[in-house]
Amino acid sequence: MRLLWDRMQDRDWSGVGALLAPDAIVEWPASGERIVGRENYVRVNAEYPEGWSIHVLRVVASGSEVVSEVEVPHGAMGVHRAVSFWTVENGVITGGREYWTELGADRAPAWRAPYTERI
């Protein structure tokens, strides 16, 4: 999965597409979106406003399931994090579910303060 993120960082959109099945489906539950098909997934990423970079924090794989966590700082839009759950079959991504958030977007409620530390 690191190769996917490396290709995105390099803006190698044909290389990103080569890692996806033609009928891959990727869901973004936080925004209520489903991206159907390799071309749509490539385009939605290629069209994202420039100014971002990708830092892979971790990748964990077991069989056909791969989980990745990345940080995506953007000069104008802040720092985002994504945790992605991928299904890989025959060497290509057939599906995924990505949870994107902007750091600081989810404020911790005051009632939890006695039990937590800020990170």
PDB file of N, CA and C in Angstrom:
ATOM      1  N   MET A   1       0.826  -1.193   0.000  1.00  0.00           N
ATOM      2  CA  MET A   1       0.000   0.000   0.000  1.00  0.00           C
ATOM      3  C   MET A   1       0.866   1.250   0.000  1.00  0.00           C
ATOM      4  N   ARG A   2       2.060   1.098   0.513  1.00  0.00           N
ATOM      5  CA  ARG A   2       2.989   2.237   0.495  1.00  0.00           C
ATOM      6  C   ARG A   2       3.190   2.728  -0.936  1.00  0.00           C
ATOM      7  N   LEU A   3       3.184   1.795  -1.889  1.00  0.00           N
ATOM      8  CA  LEU A   3       3.364   2.181  -3.294  1.00  0.00           C
ATOM      9  C   LEU A   3       2.230   3.097  -3.767  1.00  0.00           C
ATOM     10  N   LEU A   4       1.014   2.839  -3.334  1.00  0.00           N
ATOM     11  CA  LEU A   4      -0.113   3.714  -3.682  1.00  0.00           C
ATOM     12  C   LEU A   4       0.159   5.137  -3.217  1.00  0.00           C
ATOM     13  N   TRP A   5       0.544   5.284  -1.955  1.00  0.00           N
ATOM     14  CA  TRP A   5       0.782   6.616  -1.404  1.00  0.00           C
ATOM     15  C   TRP A   5       1.997   7.271  -2.043  1.00  0.00           C
ATOM     16  N   ASP A   6       3.032   6.480  -2.340  1.00  0.00           N
ATOM     17  CA  ASP A   6       4.211   7.036  -3.020  1.00  0.00           C
ATOM     18  C   ASP A   6       3.828   7.585  -4.390  1.00  0.00           C
ATOM     19  N   ARG A   7       3.009   6.845  -5.120  1.00  0.00           N
ATOM     20  CA  ARG A   7       2.584   7.303  -6.443  1.00  0.00           C
ATOM     21  C   ARG A   7       1.702   8.539  -6.349  1.00  0.00           C
ATOM     22  N   MET A   8       0.855   8.604  -5.330  1.00  0.00           N
ATOM     23  CA  MET A   8       0.053   9.819  -5.148  1.00  0.00           C
ATOM     24  C   MET A   8       0.968  11.001  -4.857  1.00  0.00           C
ATOM     25  N   GLN A   9       1.922  10.812  -3.959  1.00  0.00           N
ATOM     26  CA  GLN A   9       2.853  11.888  -3.635  1.00  0.00           C
ATOM     27  C   GLN A   9       3.581  12.372  -4.887  1.00  0.00           C
ATOM     28  N   ASP A  10       3.928  11.460  -5.783  1.00  0.00           N
ATOM     29  CA  ASP A  10       4.630  11.799  -7.026  1.00  0.00           C
ATOM     30  C   ASP A  10       3.696  12.321  -8.112  1.00  0.00           C
ATOM     31  N   ARG A  11       2.385  12.350  -7.831  1.00  0.00           N
ATOM     32  CA  ARG A  11       1.369  12.752  -8.823  1.00  0.00           C
ATOM     33  C   ARG A  11       1.451  11.851 -10.062  1.00  0.00           C
ATOM     34  N   ASP A  12       1.779  10.586  -9.828  1.00  0.00           N
ATOM     35  CA  ASP A  12       1.856   9.578 -10.892  1.00  0.00           C
ATOM     36  C   ASP A  12       0.472   8.937 -11.020  1.00  0.00           C
ATOM     37  N   TRP A  13      -0.438   9.652 -11.690  1.00  0.00           N
ATOM     38  CA  TRP A  13      -1.841   9.232 -11.717  1.00  0.00           C
ATOM     39  C   TRP A  13      -2.053   7.955 -12.513  1.00  0.00           C
ATOM     40  N   SER A  14      -1.309   7.734 -13.579  1.00  0.00           N
ATOM     41  CA  SER A  14      -1.448   6.457 -14.302  1.00  0.00           C
ATOM     42  C   SER A  14      -0.914   5.324 -13.432  1.00  0.00           C
ATOM     43  N   GLY A  15       0.132   5.596 -12.655  1.00  0.00           N
ATOM     44  CA  GLY A  15       0.646   4.589 -11.728  1.00  0.00           C
ATOM     45  C   GLY A  15      -0.333   4.259 -10.628  1.00  0.00           C
ATOM     46  N   VAL A  16      -1.052   5.281 -10.111  1.00  0.00           N
ATOM     47  CA  VAL A  16      -2.101   5.032  -9.121  1.00  0.00           C
ATOM     48  C   VAL A  16      -3.175   4.142  -9.747  1.00  0.00           C
ATOM     49  N   GLY A  17      -3.594   4.489 -10.948  1.00  0.00           N
ATOM     50  CA  GLY A  17      -4.628   3.706 -11.627  1.00  0.00           C
ATOM     51  C   GLY A  17      -4.231   2.253 -11.838  1.00  0.00           C
ATOM     52  N   ALA A  18      -2.953   2.013 -12.088  1.00  0.00           N
ATOM     53  CA  ALA A  18      -2.484   0.640 -12.321  1.00  0.00           C
ATOM     54  C   ALA A  18      -2.617  -0.231 -11.076  1.00  0.00           C
ATOM     55  N   LEU A  19      -2.738   0.386  -9.909  1.00  0.00           N
ATOM     56  CA  LEU A  19      -2.873  -0.365  -8.661  1.00  0.00           C
ATOM     57  C   LEU A  19      -4.318  -0.693  -8.316  1.00  0.00           C
ATOM     58  N   LEU A  20      -5.263  -0.177  -9.102  1.00  0.00           N
ATOM     59  CA  LEU A  20      -6.688  -0.348  -8.814  1.00  0.00           C
ATOM     60  C   LEU A  20      -7.370  -1.218  -9.858  1.00  0.00           C
ATOM     61  N   ALA A  21      -8.293  -2.053  -9.406  1.00  0.00           N
ATOM     62  CA  ALA A  21      -9.144  -2.792 -10.336  1.00  0.00           C
ATOM     63  C   ALA A  21     -10.037  -1.793 -11.063  1.00  0.00           C
ATOM     64  N   PRO A  22     -10.390  -2.067 -12.315  1.00  0.00           N
ATOM     65  CA  PRO A  22     -11.248  -1.126 -13.059  1.00  0.00           C
ATOM     66  C   PRO A  22     -12.551  -0.800 -12.337  1.00  0.00           C
ATOM     67  N   ASP A  23     -13.102  -1.773 -11.618  1.00  0.00           N
ATOM     68  CA  ASP A  23     -14.385  -1.580 -10.944  1.00  0.00           C
ATOM     69  C   ASP A  23     -14.228  -1.380  -9.432  1.00  0.00           C
ATOM     70  N   ALA A  24     -13.065  -0.937  -8.993  1.00  0.00           N
ATOM     71  CA  ALA A  24     -12.822  -0.709  -7.563  1.00  0.00           C
ATOM     72  C   ALA A  24     -13.856   0.264  -6.995  1.00  0.00           C
ATOM     73  N   ILE A  25     -14.221   0.037  -5.757  1.00  0.00           N
ATOM     74  CA  ILE A  25     -15.150   0.919  -5.053  1.00  0.00           C
ATOM     75  C   ILE A  25     -14.477   1.374  -3.773  1.00  0.00           C
ATOM     76  N   VAL A  26     -14.413   2.695  -3.581  1.00  0.00           N
ATOM     77  CA  VAL A  26     -13.812   3.274  -2.382  1.00  0.00           C
ATOM     78  C   VAL A  26     -14.856   4.169  -1.722  1.00  0.00           C
ATOM     79  N   GLU A  27     -15.074   3.925  -0.447  1.00  0.00           N
ATOM     80  CA  GLU A  27     -16.074   4.687   0.303  1.00  0.00           C
ATOM     81  C   GLU A  27     -15.406   5.656   1.261  1.00  0.00           C
ATOM     82  N   TRP A  28     -16.011   6.830   1.392  1.00  0.00           N
ATOM     83  CA  TRP A  28     -15.601   7.849   2.349  1.00  0.00           C
ATOM     84  C   TRP A  28     -16.799   8.107   3.272  1.00  0.00           C
ATOM     85  N   PRO A  29     -16.982   7.276   4.299  1.00  0.00           N
ATOM     86  CA  PRO A  29     -18.164   7.405   5.158  1.00  0.00           C
ATOM     87  C   PRO A  29     -18.312   8.766   5.841  1.00  0.00           C
ATOM     88  N   ALA A  30     -17.218   9.404   6.236  1.00  0.00           N
ATOM     89  CA  ALA A  30     -17.319  10.669   6.956  1.00  0.00           C
ATOM     90  C   ALA A  30     -18.006  11.746   6.129  1.00  0.00           C
ATOM     91  N   SER A  31     -17.804  11.713   4.807  1.00  0.00           N
ATOM     92  CA  SER A  31     -18.459  12.703   3.938  1.00  0.00           C
ATOM     93  C   SER A  31     -19.629  12.110   3.166  1.00  0.00           C
ATOM     94  N   GLY A  32     -19.910  10.819   3.391  1.00  0.00           N
ATOM     95  CA  GLY A  32     -21.060  10.185   2.749  1.00  0.00           C
ATOM     96  C   GLY A  32     -20.889   9.971   1.251  1.00  0.00           C
ATOM     97  N   GLU A  33     -19.661   9.666   0.808  1.00  0.00           N
ATOM     98  CA  GLU A  33     -19.399   9.506  -0.619  1.00  0.00           C
ATOM     99  C   GLU A  33     -18.899   8.101  -0.947  1.00  0.00           C
ATOM    100  N   ARG A  34     -19.264   7.655  -2.124  1.00  0.00           N
ATOM    101  CA  ARG A  34     -18.762   6.392  -2.678  1.00  0.00           C
ATOM    102  C   ARG A  34     -18.177   6.711  -4.045  1.00  0.00           C
ATOM    103  N   ILE A  35     -16.945   6.280  -4.252  1.00  0.00           N
ATOM    104  CA  ILE A  35     -16.268   6.488  -5.532  1.00  0.00           C
ATOM    105  C   ILE A  35     -16.278   5.151  -6.249  1.00  0.00           C
ATOM    106  N   VAL A  36     -16.938   5.102  -7.397  1.00  0.00           N
ATOM    107  CA  VAL A  36     -17.080   3.855  -8.140  1.00  0.00           C
ATOM    108  C   VAL A  36     -16.179   3.903  -9.370  1.00  0.00           C
ATOM    109  N   GLY A  37     -15.260   2.980  -9.430  1.00  0.00           N
ATOM    110  CA  GLY A  37     -14.397   2.843 -10.601  1.00  0.00           C
ATOM    111  C   GLY A  37     -13.033   3.486 -10.446  1.00  0.00           C
ATOM    112  N   ARG A  38     -12.054   2.845 -11.054  1.00  0.00           N
ATOM    113  CA  ARG A  38     -10.667   3.307 -11.019  1.00  0.00           C
ATOM    114  C   ARG A  38     -10.533   4.743 -11.495  1.00  0.00           C
ATOM    115  N   GLU A  39     -11.138   5.058 -12.625  1.00  0.00           N
ATOM    116  CA  GLU A  39     -10.973   6.396 -13.200  1.00  0.00           C
ATOM    117  C   GLU A  39     -11.502   7.483 -12.280  1.00  0.00           C
ATOM    118  N   ASN A  40     -12.631   7.238 -11.641  1.00  0.00           N
ATOM    119  CA  ASN A  40     -13.188   8.234 -10.721  1.00  0.00           C
ATOM    120  C   ASN A  40     -12.289   8.423  -9.503  1.00  0.00           C
ATOM    121  N   TYR A  41     -11.736   7.334  -8.981  1.00  0.00           N
ATOM    122  CA  TYR A  41     -10.841   7.448  -7.827  1.00  0.00           C
ATOM    123  C   TYR A  41      -9.583   8.243  -8.190  1.00  0.00           C
ATOM    124  N   VAL A  42      -9.021   7.939  -9.343  1.00  0.00           N
ATOM    125  CA  VAL A  42      -7.833   8.669  -9.794  1.00  0.00           C
ATOM    126  C   VAL A  42      -8.166  10.145  -9.977  1.00  0.00           C
ATOM    127  N   ARG A  43      -9.285  10.450 -10.637  1.00  0.00           N
ATOM    128  CA  ARG A  43      -9.628  11.852 -10.921  1.00  0.00           C
ATOM    129  C   ARG A  43      -9.899  12.645  -9.635  1.00  0.00           C
ATOM    130  N   VAL A  44     -10.624  12.057  -8.686  1.00  0.00           N
ATOM    131  CA  VAL A  44     -10.945  12.804  -7.467  1.00  0.00           C
ATOM    132  C   VAL A  44      -9.661  13.147  -6.702  1.00  0.00           C
ATOM    133  N   ASN A  45      -8.672  12.294  -6.773  1.00  0.00           N
ATOM    134  CA  ASN A  45      -7.396  12.583  -6.126  1.00  0.00           C
ATOM    135  C   ASN A  45      -6.549  13.551  -6.949  1.00  0.00           C
ATOM    136  N   ALA A  46      -6.543  13.382  -8.258  1.00  0.00           N
ATOM    137  CA  ALA A  46      -5.753  14.260  -9.131  1.00  0.00           C
ATOM    138  C   ALA A  46      -6.280  15.689  -9.120  1.00  0.00           C
ATOM    139  N   GLU A  47      -7.583  15.855  -8.946  1.00  0.00           N
ATOM    140  CA  GLU A  47      -8.197  17.187  -8.978  1.00  0.00           C
ATOM    141  C   GLU A  47      -8.129  17.919  -7.643  1.00  0.00           C
ATOM    142  N   TYR A  48      -7.678  17.245  -6.599  1.00  0.00           N
ATOM    143  CA  TYR A  48      -7.603  17.891  -5.286  1.00  0.00           C
ATOM    144  C   TYR A  48      -6.672  19.093  -5.382  1.00  0.00           C
ATOM    145  N   PRO A  49      -7.043  20.219  -4.795  1.00  0.00           N
ATOM    146  CA  PRO A  49      -6.209  21.428  -4.900  1.00  0.00           C
ATOM    147  C   PRO A  49      -4.770  21.179  -4.444  1.00  0.00           C
ATOM    148  N   GLU A  50      -3.830  21.647  -5.239  1.00  0.00           N
ATOM    149  CA  GLU A  50      -2.402  21.441  -4.952  1.00  0.00           C
ATOM    150  C   GLU A  50      -1.986  22.127  -3.662  1.00  0.00           C
ATOM    151  N   GLY A  51      -0.834  21.701  -3.173  1.00  0.00           N
ATOM    152  CA  GLY A  51      -0.273  22.241  -1.950  1.00  0.00           C
ATOM    153  C   GLY A  51      -0.146  21.196  -0.866  1.00  0.00           C
ATOM    154  N   TRP A  52      -0.386  19.936  -1.202  1.00  0.00           N
ATOM    155  CA  TRP A  52      -0.376  18.861  -0.219  1.00  0.00           C
ATOM    156  C   TRP A  52       0.834  17.952  -0.414  1.00  0.00           C
ATOM    157  N   SER A  53       1.127  17.224   0.645  1.00  0.00           N
ATOM    158  CA  SER A  53       2.120  16.157   0.597  1.00  0.00           C
ATOM    159  C   SER A  53       1.584  15.008   1.435  1.00  0.00           C
ATOM    160  N   ILE A  54       2.177  13.843   1.267  1.00  0.00           N
ATOM    161  CA  ILE A  54       1.711  12.647   1.974  1.00  0.00           C
ATOM    162  C   ILE A  54       2.862  12.067   2.781  1.00  0.00           C
ATOM    163  N   HIS A  55       2.577  11.775   4.043  1.00  0.00           N
ATOM    164  CA  HIS A  55       3.542  11.115   4.913  1.00  0.00           C
ATOM    165  C   HIS A  55       2.894   9.824   5.416  1.00  0.00           C
ATOM    166  N   VAL A  56       3.443   8.695   5.028  1.00  0.00           N
ATOM    167  CA  VAL A  56       2.912   7.413   5.473  1.00  0.00           C
ATOM    168  C   VAL A  56       3.359   7.183   6.913  1.00  0.00           C
ATOM    169  N   LEU A  57       2.400   6.992   7.801  1.00  0.00           N
ATOM    170  CA  LEU A  57       2.692   6.757   9.211  1.00  0.00           C
ATOM    171  C   LEU A  57       2.808   5.273   9.523  1.00  0.00           C
ATOM    172  N   ARG A  58       1.957   4.471   8.872  1.00  0.00           N
ATOM    173  CA  ARG A  58       2.056   3.013   9.055  1.00  0.00           C
ATOM    174  C   ARG A  58       1.218   2.284   8.028  1.00  0.00           C
ATOM    175  N   VAL A  59       1.622   1.044   7.771  1.00  0.00           N
ATOM    176  CA  VAL A  59       0.879   0.129   6.911  1.00  0.00           C
ATOM    177  C   VAL A  59       0.906  -1.233   7.600  1.00  0.00           C
ATOM    178  N   VAL A  60      -0.278  -1.840   7.733  1.00  0.00           N
ATOM    179  CA  VAL A  60      -0.401  -3.152   8.348  1.00  0.00           C
ATOM    180  C   VAL A  60      -1.184  -4.031   7.378  1.00  0.00           C
ATOM    181  N   ALA A  61      -0.638  -5.217   7.089  1.00  0.00           N
ATOM    182  CA  ALA A  61      -1.297  -6.100   6.129  1.00  0.00           C
ATOM    183  C   ALA A  61      -1.501  -7.485   6.723  1.00  0.00           C
ATOM    184  N   SER A  62      -2.609  -8.088   6.350  1.00  0.00           N
ATOM    185  CA  SER A  62      -2.905  -9.472   6.721  1.00  0.00           C
ATOM    186  C   SER A  62      -3.735 -10.081   5.607  1.00  0.00           C
ATOM    187  N   GLY A  63      -3.133 -10.986   4.862  1.00  0.00           N
ATOM    188  CA  GLY A  63      -3.841 -11.606   3.744  1.00  0.00           C
ATOM    189  C   GLY A  63      -4.210 -10.561   2.714  1.00  0.00           C
ATOM    190  N   SER A  64      -5.481 -10.516   2.350  1.00  0.00           N
ATOM    191  CA  SER A  64      -5.938  -9.567   1.331  1.00  0.00           C
ATOM    192  C   SER A  64      -6.368  -8.225   1.916  1.00  0.00           C
ATOM    193  N   GLU A  65      -6.213  -8.063   3.219  1.00  0.00           N
ATOM    194  CA  GLU A  65      -6.615  -6.824   3.883  1.00  0.00           C
ATOM    195  C   GLU A  65      -5.383  -6.004   4.264  1.00  0.00           C
ATOM    196  N   VAL A  66      -5.430  -4.705   3.946  1.00  0.00           N
ATOM    197  CA  VAL A  66      -4.330  -3.801   4.255  1.00  0.00           C
ATOM    198  C   VAL A  66      -4.916  -2.540   4.879  1.00  0.00           C
ATOM    199  N   VAL A  67      -4.276  -2.072   5.949  1.00  0.00           N
ATOM    200  CA  VAL A  67      -4.684  -0.837   6.603  1.00  0.00           C
ATOM    201  C   VAL A  67      -3.514   0.145   6.521  1.00  0.00           C
ATOM    202  N   SER A  68      -3.818   1.372   6.155  1.00  0.00           N
ATOM    203  CA  SER A  68      -2.771   2.396   6.124  1.00  0.00           C
ATOM    204  C   SER A  68      -3.243   3.624   6.889  1.00  0.00           C
ATOM    205  N   GLU A  69      -2.261   4.324   7.468  1.00  0.00           N
ATOM    206  CA  GLU A  69      -2.520   5.598   8.129  1.00  0.00           C
ATOM    207  C   GLU A  69      -1.551   6.601   7.522  1.00  0.00           C
ATOM    208  N   VAL A  70      -2.094   7.714   7.035  1.00  0.00           N
ATOM    209  CA  VAL A  70      -1.259   8.749   6.429  1.00  0.00           C
ATOM    210  C   VAL A  70      -1.613  10.108   7.007  1.00  0.00           C
ATOM    211  N   GLU A  71      -0.629  11.007   6.953  1.00  0.00           N
ATOM    212  CA  GLU A  71      -0.846  12.400   7.294  1.00  0.00           C
ATOM    213  C   GLU A  71      -0.653  13.204   6.024  1.00  0.00           C
ATOM    214  N   VAL A  72      -1.572  14.145   5.784  1.00  0.00           N
ATOM    215  CA  VAL A  72      -1.552  14.928   4.554  1.00  0.00           C
ATOM    216  C   VAL A  72      -1.637  16.410   4.906  1.00  0.00           C
ATOM    217  N   PRO A  73      -0.479  17.035   5.120  1.00  0.00           N
ATOM    218  CA  PRO A  73      -0.491  18.484   5.345  1.00  0.00           C
ATOM    219  C   PRO A  73      -0.739  19.234   4.044  1.00  0.00           C
ATOM    220  N   HIS A  74      -1.510  20.291   4.140  1.00  0.00           N
ATOM    221  CA  HIS A  74      -1.824  21.129   2.986  1.00  0.00           C
ATOM    222  C   HIS A  74      -1.596  22.576   3.404  1.00  0.00           C
ATOM    223  N   GLY A  75      -0.859  23.319   2.609  1.00  0.00           N
ATOM    224  CA  GLY A  75      -0.511  24.686   2.954  1.00  0.00           C
ATOM    225  C   GLY A  75      -1.695  25.566   3.287  1.00  0.00           C
ATOM    226  N   ALA A  76      -2.818  25.408   2.597  1.00  0.00           N
ATOM    227  CA  ALA A  76      -3.974  26.273   2.801  1.00  0.00           C
ATOM    228  C   ALA A  76      -5.119  25.601   3.558  1.00  0.00           C
ATOM    229  N   MET A  77      -5.138  24.266   3.575  1.00  0.00           N
ATOM    230  CA  MET A  77      -6.283  23.557   4.139  1.00  0.00           C
ATOM    231  C   MET A  77      -5.999  22.845   5.453  1.00  0.00           C
ATOM    232  N   GLY A  78      -4.812  22.981   5.980  1.00  0.00           N
ATOM    233  CA  GLY A  78      -4.500  22.355   7.258  1.00  0.00           C
ATOM    234  C   GLY A  78      -3.953  20.947   7.104  1.00  0.00           C
ATOM    235  N   VAL A  79      -3.838  20.275   8.240  1.00  0.00           N
ATOM    236  CA  VAL A  79      -3.279  18.920   8.274  1.00  0.00           C
ATOM    237  C   VAL A  79      -4.424  17.920   8.392  1.00  0.00           C
ATOM    238  N   HIS A  80      -4.439  16.965   7.480  1.00  0.00           N
ATOM    239  CA  HIS A  80      -5.445  15.909   7.490  1.00  0.00           C
ATOM    240  C   HIS A  80      -4.786  14.577   7.805  1.00  0.00           C
ATOM    241  N   ARG A  81      -5.572  13.677   8.351  1.00  0.00           N
ATOM    242  CA  ARG A  81      -5.137  12.303   8.570  1.00  0.00           C
ATOM    243  C   ARG A  81      -6.170  11.396   7.929  1.00  0.00           C
ATOM    244  N   ALA A  82      -5.684  10.281   7.413  1.00  0.00           N
ATOM    245  CA  ALA A  82      -6.581   9.281   6.835  1.00  0.00           C
ATOM    246  C   ALA A  82      -6.173   7.902   7.314  1.00  0.00           C
ATOM    247  N   VAL A  83      -7.167   7.127   7.707  1.00  0.00           N
ATOM    248  CA  VAL A  83      -6.994   5.708   7.960  1.00  0.00           C
ATOM    249  C   VAL A  83      -7.800   5.004   6.889  1.00  0.00           C
ATOM    250  N   SER A  84      -7.126   4.123   6.156  1.00  0.00           N
ATOM    251  CA  SER A  84      -7.754   3.471   5.001  1.00  0.00           C
ATOM    252  C   SER A  84      -7.702   1.963   5.161  1.00  0.00           C
ATOM    253  N   PHE A  85      -8.819   1.327   4.894  1.00  0.00           N
ATOM    254  CA  PHE A  85      -8.931  -0.122   4.918  1.00  0.00           C
ATOM    255  C   PHE A  85      -9.093  -0.587   3.479  1.00  0.00           C
ATOM    256  N   TRP A  86      -8.118  -1.323   2.989  1.00  0.00           N
ATOM    257  CA  TRP A  86      -8.093  -1.740   1.589  1.00  0.00           C
ATOM    258  C   TRP A  86      -8.278  -3.241   1.463  1.00  0.00           C
ATOM    259  N   THR A  87      -8.925  -3.648   0.376  1.00  0.00           N
ATOM    260  CA  THR A  87      -8.983  -5.048  -0.010  1.00  0.00           C
ATOM    261  C   THR A  87      -8.186  -5.188  -1.293  1.00  0.00           C
ATOM    262  N   VAL A  88      -7.226  -6.105  -1.275  1.00  0.00           N
ATOM    263  CA  VAL A  88      -6.342  -6.319  -2.419  1.00  0.00           C
ATOM    264  C   VAL A  88      -6.519  -7.757  -2.889  1.00  0.00           C
ATOM    265  N   GLU A  89      -6.868  -7.901  -4.157  1.00  0.00           N
ATOM    266  CA  GLU A  89      -7.050  -9.232  -4.746  1.00  0.00           C
ATOM    267  C   GLU A  89      -6.272  -9.304  -6.052  1.00  0.00           C
ATOM    268  N   ASN A  90      -5.510 -10.363  -6.210  1.00  0.00           N
ATOM    269  CA  ASN A  90      -4.696 -10.559  -7.419  1.00  0.00           C
ATOM    270  C   ASN A  90      -3.802  -9.351  -7.707  1.00  0.00           C
ATOM    271  N   GLY A  91      -3.279  -8.754  -6.656  1.00  0.00           N
ATOM    272  CA  GLY A  91      -2.331  -7.669  -6.814  1.00  0.00           C
ATOM    273  C   GLY A  91      -2.906  -6.292  -7.078  1.00  0.00           C
ATOM    274  N   VAL A  92      -4.240  -6.143  -7.092  1.00  0.00           N
ATOM    275  CA  VAL A  92      -4.844  -4.825  -7.297  1.00  0.00           C
ATOM    276  C   VAL A  92      -5.873  -4.534  -6.203  1.00  0.00           C
ATOM    277  N   ILE A  93      -6.069  -3.260  -5.949  1.00  0.00           N
ATOM    278  CA  ILE A  93      -7.050  -2.825  -4.960  1.00  0.00           C
ATOM    279  C   ILE A  93      -8.440  -2.966  -5.558  1.00  0.00           C
ATOM    280  N   THR A  94      -9.295  -3.723  -4.885  1.00  0.00           N
ATOM    281  CA  THR A  94     -10.666  -3.898  -5.368  1.00  0.00           C
ATOM    282  C   THR A  94     -11.664  -3.076  -4.570  1.00  0.00           C
ATOM    283  N   GLY A  95     -11.262  -2.665  -3.377  1.00  0.00           N
ATOM    284  CA  GLY A  95     -12.168  -1.864  -2.559  1.00  0.00           C
ATOM    285  C   GLY A  95     -11.438  -1.196  -1.430  1.00  0.00           C
ATOM    286  N   GLY A  96     -12.073  -0.175  -0.903  1.00  0.00           N
ATOM    287  CA  GLY A  96     -11.481   0.527   0.222  1.00  0.00           C
ATOM    288  C   GLY A  96     -12.507   1.347   0.967  1.00  0.00           C
ATOM    289  N   ARG A  97     -12.176   1.638   2.184  1.00  0.00           N
ATOM    290  CA  ARG A  97     -12.984   2.524   3.030  1.00  0.00           C
ATOM    291  C   ARG A  97     -11.985   3.431   3.731  1.00  0.00           C
ATOM    292  N   GLU A  98     -12.104   4.735   3.468  1.00  0.00           N
ATOM    293  CA  GLU A  98     -11.163   5.700   4.003  1.00  0.00           C
ATOM    294  C   GLU A  98     -11.872   6.660   4.942  1.00  0.00           C
ATOM    295  N   TYR A  99     -11.257   6.888   6.091  1.00  0.00           N
ATOM    296  CA  TYR A  99     -11.776   7.826   7.069  1.00  0.00           C
ATOM    297  C   TYR A  99     -10.812   9.006   7.133  1.00  0.00           C
ATOM    298  N   TRP A 100     -11.254  10.140   6.604  1.00  0.00           N
ATOM    299  CA  TRP A 100     -10.457  11.357   6.567  1.00  0.00           C
ATOM    300  C   TRP A 100     -10.945  12.325   7.624  1.00  0.00           C
ATOM    301  N   THR A 101     -10.008  13.012   8.267  1.00  0.00           N
ATOM    302  CA  THR A 101     -10.355  14.064   9.210  1.00  0.00           C
ATOM    303  C   THR A 101      -9.262  15.127   9.192  1.00  0.00           C
ATOM    304  N   GLU A 102      -9.617  16.314   9.581  1.00  0.00           N
ATOM    305  CA  GLU A 102      -8.644  17.383   9.741  1.00  0.00           C
ATOM    306  C   GLU A 102      -8.245  17.421  11.209  1.00  0.00           C
ATOM    307  N   LEU A 103      -6.945  17.488  11.485  1.00  0.00           N
ATOM    308  CA  LEU A 103      -6.507  17.528  12.872  1.00  0.00           C
ATOM    309  C   LEU A 103      -7.166  18.700  13.584  1.00  0.00           C
ATOM    310  N   GLY A 104      -7.738  18.408  14.744  1.00  0.00           N
ATOM    311  CA  GLY A 104      -8.416  19.429  15.530  1.00  0.00           C
ATOM    312  C   GLY A 104      -9.878  19.622  15.174  1.00  0.00           C
ATOM    313  N   ALA A 105     -10.361  18.936  14.140  1.00  0.00           N
ATOM    314  CA  ALA A 105     -11.751  19.115  13.707  1.00  0.00           C
ATOM    315  C   ALA A 105     -12.748  18.546  14.717  1.00  0.00           C
ATOM    316  N   ASP A 106     -12.361  17.493  15.402  1.00  0.00           N
ATOM    317  CA  ASP A 106     -13.239  16.875  16.400  1.00  0.00           C
ATOM    318  C   ASP A 106     -12.773  17.319  17.777  1.00  0.00           C
ATOM    319  N   ARG A 107     -13.459  18.269  18.346  1.00  0.00           N
ATOM    320  CA  ARG A 107     -13.093  18.799  19.652  1.00  0.00           C
ATOM    321  C   ARG A 107     -13.442  17.792  20.747  1.00  0.00           C
ATOM    322  N   ALA A 108     -12.519  17.628  21.682  1.00  0.00           N
ATOM    323  CA  ALA A 108     -12.754  16.730  22.809  1.00  0.00           C
ATOM    324  C   ALA A 108     -13.744  17.386  23.766  1.00  0.00           C
ATOM    325  N   PRO A 109     -14.792  16.648  24.172  1.00  0.00           N
ATOM    326  CA  PRO A 109     -15.737  17.237  25.121  1.00  0.00           C
ATOM    327  C   PRO A 109     -15.087  17.406  26.495  1.00  0.00           C
ATOM    328  N   ALA A 110     -15.493  18.426  27.203  1.00  0.00           N
ATOM    329  CA  ALA A 110     -14.917  18.766  28.501  1.00  0.00           C
ATOM    330  C   ALA A 110     -15.043  17.633  29.510  1.00  0.00           C
ATOM    331  N   TRP A 111     -16.126  16.841  29.438  1.00  0.00           N
ATOM    332  CA  TRP A 111     -16.334  15.802  30.441  1.00  0.00           C
ATOM    333  C   TRP A 111     -15.250  14.730  30.410  1.00  0.00           C
ATOM    334  N   ARG A 112     -14.525  14.591  29.283  1.00  0.00           N
ATOM    335  CA  ARG A 112     -13.479  13.562  29.192  1.00  0.00           C
ATOM    336  C   ARG A 112     -12.133  14.048  29.720  1.00  0.00           C
ATOM    337  N   ALA A 113     -11.984  15.335  29.950  1.00  0.00           N
ATOM    338  CA  ALA A 113     -10.691  15.907  30.345  1.00  0.00           C
ATOM    339  C   ALA A 113     -10.034  15.213  31.544  1.00  0.00           C
ATOM    340  N   PRO A 114     -10.793  14.817  32.580  1.00  0.00           N
ATOM    341  CA  PRO A 114     -10.130  14.161  33.717  1.00  0.00           C
ATOM    342  C   PRO A 114      -9.511  12.800  33.375  1.00  0.00           C
ATOM    343  N   TYR A 115      -9.892  12.229  32.237  1.00  0.00           N
ATOM    344  CA  TYR A 115      -9.467  10.881  31.895  1.00  0.00           C
ATOM    345  C   TYR A 115      -8.475  10.807  30.742  1.00  0.00           C
ATOM    346  N   THR A 116      -8.173  11.945  30.126  1.00  0.00           N
ATOM    347  CA  THR A 116      -7.369  11.947  28.909  1.00  0.00           C
ATOM    348  C   THR A 116      -6.217  12.951  29.006  1.00  0.00           C
ATOM    349  N   GLU A 117      -5.288  12.801  28.072  1.00  0.00           N
ATOM    350  CA  GLU A 117      -4.210  13.763  27.891  1.00  0.00           C
ATOM    351  C   GLU A 117      -4.296  14.304  26.470  1.00  0.00           C
ATOM    352  N   ARG A 118      -3.902  15.533  26.269  1.00  0.00           N
ATOM    353  CA  ARG A 118      -3.862  16.123  24.919  1.00  0.00           C
ATOM    354  C   ARG A 118      -2.659  15.561  24.180  1.00  0.00           C
ATOM    355  N   ILE A 119      -2.827  15.308  22.892  1.00  0.00           N
ATOM    356  CA  ILE A 119      -1.699  14.858  22.060  1.00  0.00           C
ATOM    357  C   ILE A 119      -1.465  15.856  20.951  1.00  0.00           C
TER     358      ILE A 119
END
